[in-house]
Amino acid sequence: MSSIKTIGASGQIALGKEYAGRHVVVEELEAGVWVVKLGDFVPDNERWLQSARVREALDEAVAWAGATPPAPSDLKKLSRRGRR
């Protein structure tokens, strides 16, 4: 589907209310040729969470938390462990 849009005085293009609040990436293939893609994007400072190693560690932690009932902590024992 193609449509003709006019770039306003502020440099904006309206894509429609159904896209309000959504993120897009705009790629300029060459001068005056753009590709607009709708999607969710990961901020640079959170990209490390997307690595396979971190994802596996988080999956293991969530599985452990789901299978391990809460128990009271022995603060003296934890304090001794921290001094090693």
N, C-alpha and C. Protein backbone atom coordinates (compact mmCIF):
# COMPACT_ATOMS: atom_id res chain seq x y z
N MET A 1 0.84 -1.18 0.00
CA MET A 1 0.00 0.00 0.00
C MET A 1 0.89 1.24 0.00
N SER A 2 0.58 2.17 -0.79
CA SER A 2 1.30 3.44 -0.85
C SER A 2 0.33 4.57 -0.56
N SER A 3 0.87 5.63 0.01
CA SER A 3 0.06 6.84 0.22
C SER A 3 0.99 8.04 0.10
N ILE A 4 0.40 9.15 -0.19
CA ILE A 4 1.16 10.39 -0.31
C ILE A 4 0.93 11.21 0.95
N LYS A 5 2.01 11.62 1.59
CA LYS A 5 1.96 12.44 2.80
C LYS A 5 2.71 13.72 2.53
N THR A 6 2.37 14.77 3.24
CA THR A 6 3.07 16.05 3.12
C THR A 6 3.82 16.30 4.41
N ILE A 7 5.09 16.64 4.27
CA ILE A 7 5.90 16.96 5.44
C ILE A 7 5.53 18.37 5.88
N GLY A 8 5.11 18.51 7.14
CA GLY A 8 4.68 19.79 7.66
C GLY A 8 5.83 20.75 7.90
N ALA A 9 5.50 21.97 8.27
CA ALA A 9 6.49 23.02 8.50
C ALA A 9 7.48 22.64 9.61
N SER A 10 7.04 21.79 10.55
CA SER A 10 7.92 21.39 11.64
C SER A 10 8.76 20.17 11.26
N GLY A 11 8.59 19.65 10.05
CA GLY A 11 9.37 18.50 9.60
C GLY A 11 8.75 17.16 9.96
N GLN A 12 7.48 17.15 10.35
CA GLN A 12 6.82 15.92 10.77
C GLN A 12 5.89 15.37 9.69
N ILE A 13 5.72 14.03 9.73
CA ILE A 13 4.77 13.35 8.85
C ILE A 13 3.80 12.60 9.75
N ALA A 14 2.51 12.74 9.52
CA ALA A 14 1.50 12.01 10.29
C ALA A 14 1.25 10.66 9.62
N LEU A 15 1.40 9.58 10.37
CA LEU A 15 1.18 8.24 9.83
C LEU A 15 -0.20 7.71 10.16
N GLY A 16 -0.87 8.30 11.12
CA GLY A 16 -2.21 7.86 11.51
C GLY A 16 -2.28 7.60 13.00
N LYS A 17 -3.47 7.81 13.56
CA LYS A 17 -3.65 7.67 15.00
C LYS A 17 -3.40 6.25 15.49
N GLU A 18 -3.58 5.26 14.61
CA GLU A 18 -3.37 3.87 15.05
C GLU A 18 -1.90 3.60 15.41
N TYR A 19 -1.01 4.50 15.00
CA TYR A 19 0.41 4.34 15.32
C TYR A 19 0.87 5.28 16.44
N ALA A 20 -0.03 6.02 17.01
CA ALA A 20 0.32 7.01 18.04
C ALA A 20 1.04 6.33 19.20
N GLY A 21 2.15 6.89 19.61
CA GLY A 21 2.92 6.39 20.74
C GLY A 21 3.83 5.22 20.42
N ARG A 22 3.79 4.71 19.21
CA ARG A 22 4.63 3.58 18.82
C ARG A 22 6.00 4.09 18.36
N HIS A 23 6.98 3.20 18.40
CA HIS A 23 8.33 3.54 17.94
C HIS A 23 8.50 3.09 16.50
N VAL A 24 9.26 3.87 15.75
CA VAL A 24 9.62 3.48 14.39
C VAL A 24 11.11 3.74 14.20
N VAL A 25 11.68 2.99 13.29
CA VAL A 25 13.05 3.29 12.85
C VAL A 25 12.92 3.77 11.41
N VAL A 26 13.63 4.84 11.10
CA VAL A 26 13.61 5.41 9.76
C VAL A 26 15.01 5.22 9.17
N GLU A 27 15.08 4.46 8.09
CA GLU A 27 16.35 4.23 7.41
C GLU A 27 16.37 5.05 6.13
N GLU A 28 17.42 5.80 5.94
CA GLU A 28 17.56 6.56 4.70
C GLU A 28 18.46 5.74 3.78
N LEU A 29 17.87 5.16 2.75
CA LEU A 29 18.61 4.31 1.82
C LEU A 29 19.50 5.14 0.90
N GLU A 30 18.98 6.27 0.50
CA GLU A 30 19.71 7.26 -0.29
C GLU A 30 18.96 8.57 -0.11
N ALA A 31 19.50 9.65 -0.62
CA ALA A 31 18.85 10.95 -0.45
C ALA A 31 17.40 10.90 -0.94
N GLY A 32 16.47 11.15 -0.01
CA GLY A 32 15.06 11.19 -0.37
C GLY A 32 14.35 9.83 -0.41
N VAL A 33 15.07 8.74 -0.10
CA VAL A 33 14.45 7.41 -0.10
C VAL A 33 14.53 6.85 1.32
N TRP A 34 13.37 6.71 1.97
CA TRP A 34 13.30 6.27 3.35
C TRP A 34 12.49 4.99 3.47
N VAL A 35 12.87 4.17 4.43
CA VAL A 35 12.09 3.00 4.81
C VAL A 35 11.71 3.21 6.27
N VAL A 36 10.42 3.13 6.58
CA VAL A 36 9.93 3.32 7.94
C VAL A 36 9.45 1.96 8.45
N LYS A 37 10.02 1.50 9.58
CA LYS A 37 9.65 0.21 10.15
C LYS A 37 9.11 0.41 11.57
N LEU A 38 7.98 -0.19 11.84
CA LEU A 38 7.35 -0.14 13.15
C LEU A 38 7.94 -1.24 14.02
N GLY A 39 8.20 -0.96 15.30
CA GLY A 39 8.73 -2.01 16.17
C GLY A 39 9.07 -1.50 17.54
N ASP A 40 9.52 -2.42 18.36
CA ASP A 40 10.01 -2.10 19.70
C ASP A 40 11.53 -2.19 19.66
N PHE A 41 12.19 -1.24 20.26
CA PHE A 41 13.63 -1.17 20.16
C PHE A 41 14.26 -1.18 21.55
N VAL A 42 15.44 -1.76 21.62
CA VAL A 42 16.15 -1.91 22.89
C VAL A 42 17.14 -0.76 23.03
N PRO A 43 17.05 0.00 24.12
CA PRO A 43 18.02 1.08 24.34
C PRO A 43 19.44 0.51 24.44
N ASP A 44 20.42 1.26 24.03
CA ASP A 44 21.81 0.79 24.05
C ASP A 44 22.24 0.30 25.43
N ASN A 45 21.83 1.02 26.49
CA ASN A 45 22.28 0.64 27.83
C ASN A 45 21.58 -0.61 28.37
N GLU A 46 20.60 -1.17 27.63
CA GLU A 46 19.93 -2.41 28.03
C GLU A 46 20.21 -3.55 27.06
N ARG A 47 21.01 -3.30 26.05
CA ARG A 47 21.29 -4.30 25.02
C ARG A 47 21.99 -5.53 25.58
N TRP A 48 22.81 -5.36 26.62
CA TRP A 48 23.53 -6.49 27.22
C TRP A 48 22.57 -7.55 27.74
N LEU A 49 21.34 -7.15 28.09
CA LEU A 49 20.36 -8.12 28.59
C LEU A 49 19.87 -9.07 27.50
N GLN A 50 20.12 -8.73 26.24
CA GLN A 50 19.65 -9.55 25.12
C GLN A 50 20.62 -10.65 24.72
N SER A 51 21.81 -10.70 25.34
CA SER A 51 22.78 -11.73 24.96
C SER A 51 22.30 -13.10 25.44
N ALA A 52 22.70 -14.14 24.72
CA ALA A 52 22.28 -15.51 25.04
C ALA A 52 22.73 -15.90 26.46
N ARG A 53 23.95 -15.52 26.85
CA ARG A 53 24.48 -15.89 28.16
C ARG A 53 23.63 -15.27 29.29
N VAL A 54 23.30 -14.01 29.17
CA VAL A 54 22.50 -13.33 30.19
C VAL A 54 21.08 -13.90 30.20
N ARG A 55 20.52 -14.14 29.03
CA ARG A 55 19.16 -14.70 28.94
C ARG A 55 19.10 -16.07 29.63
N GLU A 56 20.14 -16.92 29.42
CA GLU A 56 20.19 -18.24 30.07
C GLU A 56 20.28 -18.09 31.59
N ALA A 57 21.13 -17.17 32.05
CA ALA A 57 21.27 -16.95 33.49
C ALA A 57 19.96 -16.46 34.10
N LEU A 58 19.27 -15.56 33.42
CA LEU A 58 17.99 -15.06 33.93
C LEU A 58 16.94 -16.17 33.94
N ASP A 59 16.92 -17.01 32.90
CA ASP A 59 15.98 -18.13 32.86
C ASP A 59 16.24 -19.09 34.02
N GLU A 60 17.52 -19.37 34.31
CA GLU A 60 17.87 -20.24 35.44
C GLU A 60 17.43 -19.62 36.76
N ALA A 61 17.66 -18.33 36.92
CA ALA A 61 17.29 -17.66 38.16
C ALA A 61 15.77 -17.67 38.37
N VAL A 62 15.02 -17.44 37.30
CA VAL A 62 13.56 -17.45 37.40
C VAL A 62 13.06 -18.85 37.72
N ALA A 63 13.66 -19.89 37.10
CA ALA A 63 13.27 -21.27 37.38
C ALA A 63 13.58 -21.63 38.83
N TRP A 64 14.76 -21.22 39.32
CA TRP A 64 15.14 -21.49 40.71
C TRP A 64 14.16 -20.82 41.66
N ALA A 65 13.85 -19.54 41.39
CA ALA A 65 12.93 -18.80 42.26
C ALA A 65 11.55 -19.44 42.28
N GLY A 66 11.12 -19.99 41.15
CA GLY A 66 9.81 -20.63 41.08
C GLY A 66 9.77 -21.96 41.80
N ALA A 67 10.93 -22.65 41.86
CA ALA A 67 10.98 -23.99 42.47
C ALA A 67 11.42 -23.96 43.93
N THR A 68 11.94 -22.83 44.39
CA THR A 68 12.50 -22.75 45.75
C THR A 68 11.59 -21.90 46.63
N PRO A 69 11.01 -22.52 47.65
CA PRO A 69 10.15 -21.74 48.54
C PRO A 69 10.97 -20.75 49.37
N PRO A 70 10.37 -19.62 49.73
CA PRO A 70 11.09 -18.65 50.57
C PRO A 70 11.40 -19.25 51.93
N ALA A 71 12.52 -18.84 52.49
CA ALA A 71 12.93 -19.31 53.82
C ALA A 71 13.57 -18.15 54.56
N PRO A 72 13.51 -18.19 55.89
CA PRO A 72 14.16 -17.11 56.65
C PRO A 72 15.67 -17.13 56.43
N SER A 73 16.28 -15.96 56.45
CA SER A 73 17.73 -15.85 56.28
C SER A 73 18.43 -15.85 57.61
N ASP A 74 19.60 -16.49 57.66
CA ASP A 74 20.46 -16.46 58.84
C ASP A 74 21.50 -15.37 58.58
N LEU A 75 21.27 -14.17 59.15
CA LEU A 75 22.13 -13.02 58.87
C LEU A 75 23.56 -13.23 59.34
N LYS A 76 23.77 -13.97 60.45
CA LYS A 76 25.13 -14.23 60.92
C LYS A 76 25.88 -15.10 59.90
N LYS A 77 25.20 -16.10 59.37
CA LYS A 77 25.81 -16.99 58.38
C LYS A 77 26.12 -16.21 57.09
N LEU A 78 25.21 -15.37 56.66
CA LEU A 78 25.44 -14.56 55.48
C LEU A 78 26.60 -13.58 55.69
N SER A 79 26.71 -13.02 56.88
CA SER A 79 27.79 -12.09 57.20
C SER A 79 29.14 -12.79 57.12
N ARG A 80 29.22 -14.02 57.62
CA ARG A 80 30.48 -14.78 57.55
C ARG A 80 30.84 -15.10 56.11
N ARG A 81 29.85 -15.40 55.28
CA ARG A 81 30.10 -15.70 53.86
C ARG A 81 30.67 -14.49 53.13
N GLY A 82 30.22 -13.30 53.50
CA GLY A 82 30.67 -12.07 52.85
C GLY A 82 32.11 -11.71 53.17
N ARG A 83 32.66 -12.24 54.24
CA ARG A 83 34.04 -11.89 54.66
C ARG A 83 35.08 -12.77 53.99
N ARG A 84 34.71 -13.79 53.28
CA ARG A 84 35.70 -14.70 52.66
C ARG A 84 36.50 -14.02 51.61
